[in-house]
Amino acid sequence: PSTLAAVNAHDEAQHTARCGADANFGWARTTVL
């Protein structure tokens, strides 16, 4: 549960806002989920 909560708190929109668009982050996050 703690890992899932951390992943949900770091979605693609948040990553894009901080780092710019990065498809690799989305693929990695989807695999973790």
All heavy atoms as atom14 arrays in JSON, in Angstrom:
{
  "sequence": "PSTLAAVNAHDEAQHTARCGADANFGWARTTVL",
  "atom14_mask": [
    [1, 1, 1, 1, 1, 1, 1, 0, 0, 0, 0, 0, 0, 0],
    [1, 1, 1, 1, 1, 1, 0, 0, 0, 0, 0, 0, 0, 0],
    [1, 1, 1, 1, 1, 1, 1, 0, 0, 0, 0, 0, 0, 0],
    [1, 1, 1, 1, 1, 1, 1, 1, 0, 0, 0, 0, 0, 0],
    [1, 1, 1, 1, 1, 0, 0, 0, 0, 0, 0, 0, 0, 0],
    [1, 1, 1, 1, 1, 0, 0, 0, 0, 0, 0, 0, 0, 0],
    [1, 1, 1, 1, 1, 1, 1, 0, 0, 0, 0, 0, 0, 0],
    [1, 1, 1, 1, 1, 1, 1, 1, 0, 0, 0, 0, 0, 0],
    [1, 1, 1, 1, 1, 0, 0, 0, 0, 0, 0, 0, 0, 0],
    [1, 1, 1, 1, 1, 1, 1, 1, 1, 1, 0, 0, 0, 0],
    [1, 1, 1, 1, 1, 1, 1, 1, 0, 0, 0, 0, 0, 0],
    [1, 1, 1, 1, 1, 1, 1, 1, 1, 0, 0, 0, 0, 0],
    [1, 1, 1, 1, 1, 0, 0, 0, 0, 0, 0, 0, 0, 0],
    [1, 1, 1, 1, 1, 1, 1, 1, 1, 0, 0, 0, 0, 0],
    [1, 1, 1, 1, 1, 1, 1, 1, 1, 1, 0, 0, 0, 0],
    [1, 1, 1, 1, 1, 1, 1, 0, 0, 0, 0, 0, 0, 0],
    [1, 1, 1, 1, 1, 0, 0, 0, 0, 0, 0, 0, 0, 0],
    [1, 1, 1, 1, 1, 1, 1, 1, 1, 1, 1, 0, 0, 0],
    [1, 1, 1, 1, 1, 1, 0, 0, 0, 0, 0, 0, 0, 0],
    [1, 1, 1, 1, 0, 0, 0, 0, 0, 0, 0, 0, 0, 0],
    [1, 1, 1, 1, 1, 0, 0, 0, 0, 0, 0, 0, 0, 0],
    [1, 1, 1, 1, 1, 1, 1, 1, 0, 0, 0, 0, 0, 0],
    [1, 1, 1, 1, 1, 0, 0, 0, 0, 0, 0, 0, 0, 0],
    [1, 1, 1, 1, 1, 1, 1, 1, 0, 0, 0, 0, 0, 0],
    [1, 1, 1, 1, 1, 1, 1, 1, 1, 1, 1, 0, 0, 0],
    [1, 1, 1, 1, 0, 0, 0, 0, 0, 0, 0, 0, 0, 0],
    [1, 1, 1, 1, 1, 1, 1, 1, 1, 1, 1, 1, 1, 1],
    [1, 1, 1, 1, 1, 0, 0, 0, 0, 0, 0, 0, 0, 0],
    [1, 1, 1, 1, 1, 1, 1, 1, 1, 1, 1, 0, 0, 0],
    [1, 1, 1, 1, 1, 1, 1, 0, 0, 0, 0, 0, 0, 0],
    [1, 1, 1, 1, 1, 1, 1, 0, 0, 0, 0, 0, 0, 0],
    [1, 1, 1, 1, 1, 1, 1, 0, 0, 0, 0, 0, 0, 0],
    [1, 1, 1, 1, 1, 1, 1, 1, 0, 0, 0, 0, 0, 0]
  ],
  "atom14_positions": [
    [[0.81, -1.22, 0.0], [0.0, 0.0, 0.0], [0.84, 1.27, 0.0], [0.5, 2.25, -0.67], [-0.83, -0.14, 1.28], [-0.9, -1.61, 1.54], [0.42, -2.15, 1.07], [0.0, 0.0, 0.0], [0.0, 0.0, 0.0], [0.0, 0.0, 0.0], [0.0, 0.0, 0.0], [0.0, 0.0, 0.0], [0.0, 0.0, 0.0], [0.0, 0.0, 0.0]],
    [[1.94, 1.27, 0.75], [2.77, 2.47, 0.82], [3.43, 2.78, -0.53], [3.53, 3.94, -0.93], [3.85, 2.3, 1.9], [4.63, 1.14, 1.63], [0.0, 0.0, 0.0], [0.0, 0.0, 0.0], [0.0, 0.0, 0.0], [0.0, 0.0, 0.0], [0.0, 0.0, 0.0], [0.0, 0.0, 0.0], [0.0, 0.0, 0.0], [0.0, 0.0, 0.0]],
    [[3.85, 1.74, -1.24], [4.46, 1.95, -2.56], [3.42, 2.45, -3.54], [3.67, 3.38, -4.32], [5.08, 0.64, -3.08], [6.04, 0.16, -2.13], [5.79, 0.87, -4.4], [0.0, 0.0, 0.0], [0.0, 0.0, 0.0], [0.0, 0.0, 0.0], [0.0, 0.0, 0.0], [0.0, 0.0, 0.0], [0.0, 0.0, 0.0], [0.0, 0.0, 0.0]],
    [[2.23, 1.85, -3.53], [1.17, 2.28, -4.43], [0.8, 3.74, -4.16], [0.6, 4.53, -5.1], [-0.06, 1.38, -4.25], [-1.29, 1.75, -5.09], [-0.96, 1.74, -6.57], [-2.44, 0.81, -4.77], [0.0, 0.0, 0.0], [0.0, 0.0, 0.0], [0.0, 0.0, 0.0], [0.0, 0.0, 0.0], [0.0, 0.0, 0.0], [0.0, 0.0, 0.0]],
    [[0.73, 4.12, -2.89], [0.4, 5.5, -2.55], [1.45, 6.46, -3.1], [1.11, 7.54, -3.62], [0.27, 5.66, -1.04], [0.0, 0.0, 0.0], [0.0, 0.0, 0.0], [0.0, 0.0, 0.0], [0.0, 0.0, 0.0], [0.0, 0.0, 0.0], [0.0, 0.0, 0.0], [0.0, 0.0, 0.0], [0.0, 0.0, 0.0], [0.0, 0.0, 0.0]],
    [[2.71, 6.08, -3.01], [3.79, 6.94, -3.52], [3.71, 7.07, -5.03], [3.91, 8.17, -5.58], [5.14, 6.37, -3.1], [0.0, 0.0, 0.0], [0.0, 0.0, 0.0], [0.0, 0.0, 0.0], [0.0, 0.0, 0.0], [0.0, 0.0, 0.0], [0.0, 0.0, 0.0], [0.0, 0.0, 0.0], [0.0, 0.0, 0.0], [0.0, 0.0, 0.0]],
    [[3.42, 5.97, -5.71], [3.31, 6.01, -7.18], [2.12, 6.86, -7.6], [2.2, 7.65, -8.55], [3.21, 4.58, -7.74], [2.95, 4.62, -9.25], [4.49, 3.81, -7.45], [0.0, 0.0, 0.0], [0.0, 0.0, 0.0], [0.0, 0.0, 0.0], [0.0, 0.0, 0.0], [0.0, 0.0, 0.0], [0.0, 0.0, 0.0], [0.0, 0.0, 0.0]],
    [[1.0, 6.71, -6.9], [-0.18, 7.52, -7.23], [0.06, 9.01, -6.99], [-0.54, 9.86, -7.64], [-1.38, 7.05, -6.41], [-1.96, 5.75, -6.93], [-1.83, 5.45, -8.12], [-2.58, 4.97, -6.06], [0.0, 0.0, 0.0], [0.0, 0.0, 0.0], [0.0, 0.0, 0.0], [0.0, 0.0, 0.0], [0.0, 0.0, 0.0], [0.0, 0.0, 0.0]],
    [[0.95, 9.3, -6.05], [1.25, 10.71, -5.75], [2.23, 11.31, -6.76], [2.49, 12.52, -6.72], [1.84, 10.82, -4.34], [0.0, 0.0, 0.0], [0.0, 0.0, 0.0], [0.0, 0.0, 0.0], [0.0, 0.0, 0.0], [0.0, 0.0, 0.0], [0.0, 0.0, 0.0], [0.0, 0.0, 0.0], [0.0, 0.0, 0.0], [0.0, 0.0, 0.0]],
    [[2.75, 10.48, -7.64], [3.73, 10.95, -8.64], [3.24, 10.52, -10.02], [3.78, 9.6, -10.65], [5.12, 10.39, -8.35], [5.73, 10.88, -7.08], [5.38, 10.38, -5.85], [6.64, 11.86, -6.84], [6.07, 11.01, -4.9], [6.84, 11.92, -5.47], [0.0, 0.0, 0.0], [0.0, 0.0, 0.0], [0.0, 0.0, 0.0], [0.0, 0.0, 0.0]],
    [[2.2, 11.16, -10.48], [1.64, 10.79, -11.77], [2.36, 11.52, -12.9], [3.26, 12.34, -12.68], [0.13, 11.05, -11.82], [-0.21, 12.51, -11.57], [0.7, 13.37, -11.7], [-1.37, 12.79, -11.25], [0.0, 0.0, 0.0], [0.0, 0.0, 0.0], [0.0, 0.0, 0.0], [0.0, 0.0, 0.0], [0.0, 0.0, 0.0], [0.0, 0.0, 0.0]],
    [[1.93, 11.24, -14.15], [2.61, 11.81, -15.31], [2.44, 13.33, -15.36], [3.36, 14.05, -15.77], [2.08, 11.17, -16.58], [2.5, 9.72, -16.76], [1.98, 9.13, -18.05], [2.46, 9.56, -19.13], [1.1, 8.26, -17.99], [0.0, 0.0, 0.0], [0.0, 0.0, 0.0], [0.0, 0.0, 0.0], [0.0, 0.0, 0.0], [0.0, 0.0, 0.0]],
    [[1.27, 13.79, -14.96], [1.04, 15.25, -15.0], [2.01, 15.98, -14.09], [2.59, 17.02, -14.45], [-0.4, 15.55, -14.61], [0.0, 0.0, 0.0], [0.0, 0.0, 0.0], [0.0, 0.0, 0.0], [0.0, 0.0, 0.0], [0.0, 0.0, 0.0], [0.0, 0.0, 0.0], [0.0, 0.0, 0.0], [0.0, 0.0, 0.0], [0.0, 0.0, 0.0]],
    [[2.2, 15.43, -12.88], [3.13, 16.06, -11.94], [4.55, 16.02, -12.48], [5.3, 17.0, -12.4], [3.04, 15.35, -10.58], [3.88, 16.02, -9.5], [4.55, 15.02, -8.59], [5.22, 14.09, -9.05], [4.38, 15.2, -7.3], [0.0, 0.0, 0.0], [0.0, 0.0, 0.0], [0.0, 0.0, 0.0], [0.0, 0.0, 0.0], [0.0, 0.0, 0.0]],
    [[4.93, 14.85, -13.06], [6.29, 14.73, -13.59], [6.48, 15.7, -14.76], [7.55, 16.33, -14.87], [6.53, 13.29, -14.04], [7.94, 13.03, -14.47], [8.97, 12.85, -13.58], [8.5, 12.94, -15.71], [10.1, 12.63, -14.24], [9.84, 12.69, -15.53], [0.0, 0.0, 0.0], [0.0, 0.0, 0.0], [0.0, 0.0, 0.0], [0.0, 0.0, 0.0]],
    [[5.49, 15.81, -15.61], [5.6, 16.73, -16.76], [5.74, 18.17, -16.29], [6.52, 18.96, -16.85], [4.38, 16.57, -17.67], [4.32, 15.22, -18.15], [4.45, 17.53, -18.85], [0.0, 0.0, 0.0], [0.0, 0.0, 0.0], [0.0, 0.0, 0.0], [0.0, 0.0, 0.0], [0.0, 0.0, 0.0], [0.0, 0.0, 0.0], [0.0, 0.0, 0.0]],
    [[5.0, 18.54, -15.25], [5.07, 19.91, -14.74], [6.45, 20.23, -14.2], [6.93, 21.37, -14.33], [4.02, 20.1, -13.65], [0.0, 0.0, 0.0], [0.0, 0.0, 0.0], [0.0, 0.0, 0.0], [0.0, 0.0, 0.0], [0.0, 0.0, 0.0], [0.0, 0.0, 0.0], [0.0, 0.0, 0.0], [0.0, 0.0, 0.0], [0.0, 0.0, 0.0]],
    [[7.11, 19.24, -13.63], [8.43, 19.47, -13.02], [9.57, 19.25, -14.01], [10.62, 19.91, -13.92], [8.61, 18.56, -11.81], [7.61, 18.82, -10.69], [7.68, 17.78, -9.6], [8.91, 17.85, -8.84], [9.18, 17.07, -7.79], [8.29, 16.18, -7.37], [10.32, 17.19, -7.15], [0.0, 0.0, 0.0], [0.0, 0.0, 0.0], [0.0, 0.0, 0.0]],
    [[9.38, 18.31, -14.95], [10.51, 17.89, -15.78], [10.24, 17.97, -17.28], [11.13, 17.69, -18.08], [10.89, 16.44, -15.45], [11.34, 16.18, -13.73], [0.0, 0.0, 0.0], [0.0, 0.0, 0.0], [0.0, 0.0, 0.0], [0.0, 0.0, 0.0], [0.0, 0.0, 0.0], [0.0, 0.0, 0.0], [0.0, 0.0, 0.0], [0.0, 0.0, 0.0]],
    [[9.02, 18.28, -17.67], [8.69, 18.25, -19.08], [8.16, 16.88, -19.48], [8.27, 15.9, -18.74], [0.0, 0.0, 0.0], [0.0, 0.0, 0.0], [0.0, 0.0, 0.0], [0.0, 0.0, 0.0], [0.0, 0.0, 0.0], [0.0, 0.0, 0.0], [0.0, 0.0, 0.0], [0.0, 0.0, 0.0], [0.0, 0.0, 0.0], [0.0, 0.0, 0.0]],
    [[7.58, 16.8, -20.65], [6.99, 15.54, -21.12], [8.07, 14.47, -21.25], [9.15, 14.73, -21.79], [6.29, 15.76, -22.45], [0.0, 0.0, 0.0], [0.0, 0.0, 0.0], [0.0, 0.0, 0.0], [0.0, 0.0, 0.0], [0.0, 0.0, 0.0], [0.0, 0.0, 0.0], [0.0, 0.0, 0.0], [0.0, 0.0, 0.0], [0.0, 0.0, 0.0]],
    [[7.76, 13.27, -20.75], [8.71, 12.16, -20.8], [7.91, 10.86, -20.87], [7.39, 10.38, -19.86], [9.61, 12.17, -19.56], [10.73, 11.13, -19.64], [10.67, 10.26, -20.54], [11.64, 11.19, -18.8], [0.0, 0.0, 0.0], [0.0, 0.0, 0.0], [0.0, 0.0, 0.0], [0.0, 0.0, 0.0], [0.0, 0.0, 0.0], [0.0, 0.0, 0.0]],
    [[7.8, 10.3, -22.07], [7.01, 9.07, -22.25], [7.58, 7.92, -21.44], [6.84, 7.04, -20.98], [6.96, 8.7, -23.73], [0.0, 0.0, 0.0], [0.0, 0.0, 0.0], [0.0, 0.0, 0.0], [0.0, 0.0, 0.0], [0.0, 0.0, 0.0], [0.0, 0.0, 0.0], [0.0, 0.0, 0.0], [0.0, 0.0, 0.0], [0.0, 0.0, 0.0]],
    [[8.89, 7.9, -21.25], [9.51, 6.81, -20.5], [8.99, 6.75, -19.06], [8.83, 5.67, -18.49], [11.04, 6.96, -20.49], [11.65, 6.63, -21.82], [11.12, 5.81, -22.57], [12.75, 7.27, -22.15], [0.0, 0.0, 0.0], [0.0, 0.0, 0.0], [0.0, 0.0, 0.0], [0.0, 0.0, 0.0], [0.0, 0.0, 0.0], [0.0, 0.0, 0.0]],
    [[8.74, 7.9, -18.48], [8.2, 7.92, -17.12], [6.83, 7.26, -17.1], [6.5, 6.5, -16.19], [8.11, 9.36, -16.61], [7.68, 9.47, -15.17], [8.62, 9.42, -14.15], [6.34, 9.6, -14.83], [8.23, 9.51, -12.81], [5.94, 9.68, -13.5], [6.89, 9.63, -12.48], [0.0, 0.0, 0.0], [0.0, 0.0, 0.0], [0.0, 0.0, 0.0]],
    [[6.02, 7.53, -18.13], [4.69, 6.93, -18.19], [4.74, 5.43, -18.33], [4.0, 4.7, -17.66], [0.0, 0.0, 0.0], [0.0, 0.0, 0.0], [0.0, 0.0, 0.0], [0.0, 0.0, 0.0], [0.0, 0.0, 0.0], [0.0, 0.0, 0.0], [0.0, 0.0, 0.0], [0.0, 0.0, 0.0], [0.0, 0.0, 0.0], [0.0, 0.0, 0.0]],
    [[5.65, 4.94, -19.19], [5.76, 3.48, -19.35], [6.25, 2.84, -18.05], [5.76, 1.78, -17.65], [6.73, 3.14, -20.48], [6.23, 3.51, -21.83], [6.8, 4.39, -22.71], [5.05, 3.03, -22.49], [6.05, 4.49, -23.86], [4.96, 3.66, -23.74], [4.04, 2.14, -22.12], [3.93, 3.41, -24.65], [3.0, 1.89, -23.02], [2.95, 2.52, -24.26]],
    [[7.21, 3.48, -17.39], [7.72, 2.93, -16.13], [6.62, 2.9, -15.08], [6.43, 1.9, -14.37], [8.91, 3.75, -15.64], [0.0, 0.0, 0.0], [0.0, 0.0, 0.0], [0.0, 0.0, 0.0], [0.0, 0.0, 0.0], [0.0, 0.0, 0.0], [0.0, 0.0, 0.0], [0.0, 0.0, 0.0], [0.0, 0.0, 0.0], [0.0, 0.0, 0.0]],
    [[5.87, 3.98, -14.97], [4.81, 4.05, -13.97], [3.72, 3.01, -14.24], [3.21, 2.37, -13.31], [4.21, 5.46, -13.96], [3.19, 5.7, -12.85], [2.78, 7.17, -12.84], [1.85, 7.42, -11.74], [0.53, 7.23, -11.84], [-0.01, 6.81, -12.98], [-0.26, 7.47, -10.8], [0.0, 0.0, 0.0], [0.0, 0.0, 0.0], [0.0, 0.0, 0.0]],
    [[3.38, 2.82, -15.5], [2.37, 1.82, -15.85], [2.81, 0.41, -15.46], [2.02, -0.39, -14.95], [2.09, 1.87, -17.37], [1.62, 3.17, -17.71], [1.04, 0.84, -17.76], [0.0, 0.0, 0.0], [0.0, 0.0, 0.0], [0.0, 0.0, 0.0], [0.0, 0.0, 0.0], [0.0, 0.0, 0.0], [0.0, 0.0, 0.0], [0.0, 0.0, 0.0]],
    [[4.09, 0.11, -15.66], [4.62, -1.2, -15.28], [4.59, -1.39, -13.77], [4.26, -2.47, -13.27], [6.05, -1.38, -15.81], [6.07, -1.11, -17.22], [6.54, -2.8, -15.57], [0.0, 0.0, 0.0], [0.0, 0.0, 0.0], [0.0, 0.0, 0.0], [0.0, 0.0, 0.0], [0.0, 0.0, 0.0], [0.0, 0.0, 0.0], [0.0, 0.0, 0.0]],
    [[4.94, -0.33, -13.04], [4.89, -0.42, -11.58], [3.45, -0.67, -11.12], [3.2, -1.5, -10.25], [5.45, 0.88, -10.94], [5.29, 0.82, -9.42], [6.92, 1.07, -11.3], [0.0, 0.0, 0.0], [0.0, 0.0, 0.0], [0.0, 0.0, 0.0], [0.0, 0.0, 0.0], [0.0, 0.0, 0.0], [0.0, 0.0, 0.0], [0.0, 0.0, 0.0]],
    [[2.5, 0.02, -11.72], [1.1, -0.16, -11.35], [0.6, -1.56, -11.69], [-0.27, -2.11, -11.0], [0.23, 0.89, -12.05], [0.38, 2.32, -11.52], [-0.38, 3.29, -12.4], [-0.1, 2.42, -10.06], [0.0, 0.0, 0.0], [0.0, 0.0, 0.0], [0.0, 0.0, 0.0], [0.0, 0.0, 0.0], [0.0, 0.0, 0.0], [0.0, 0.0, 0.0]]
  ]
}
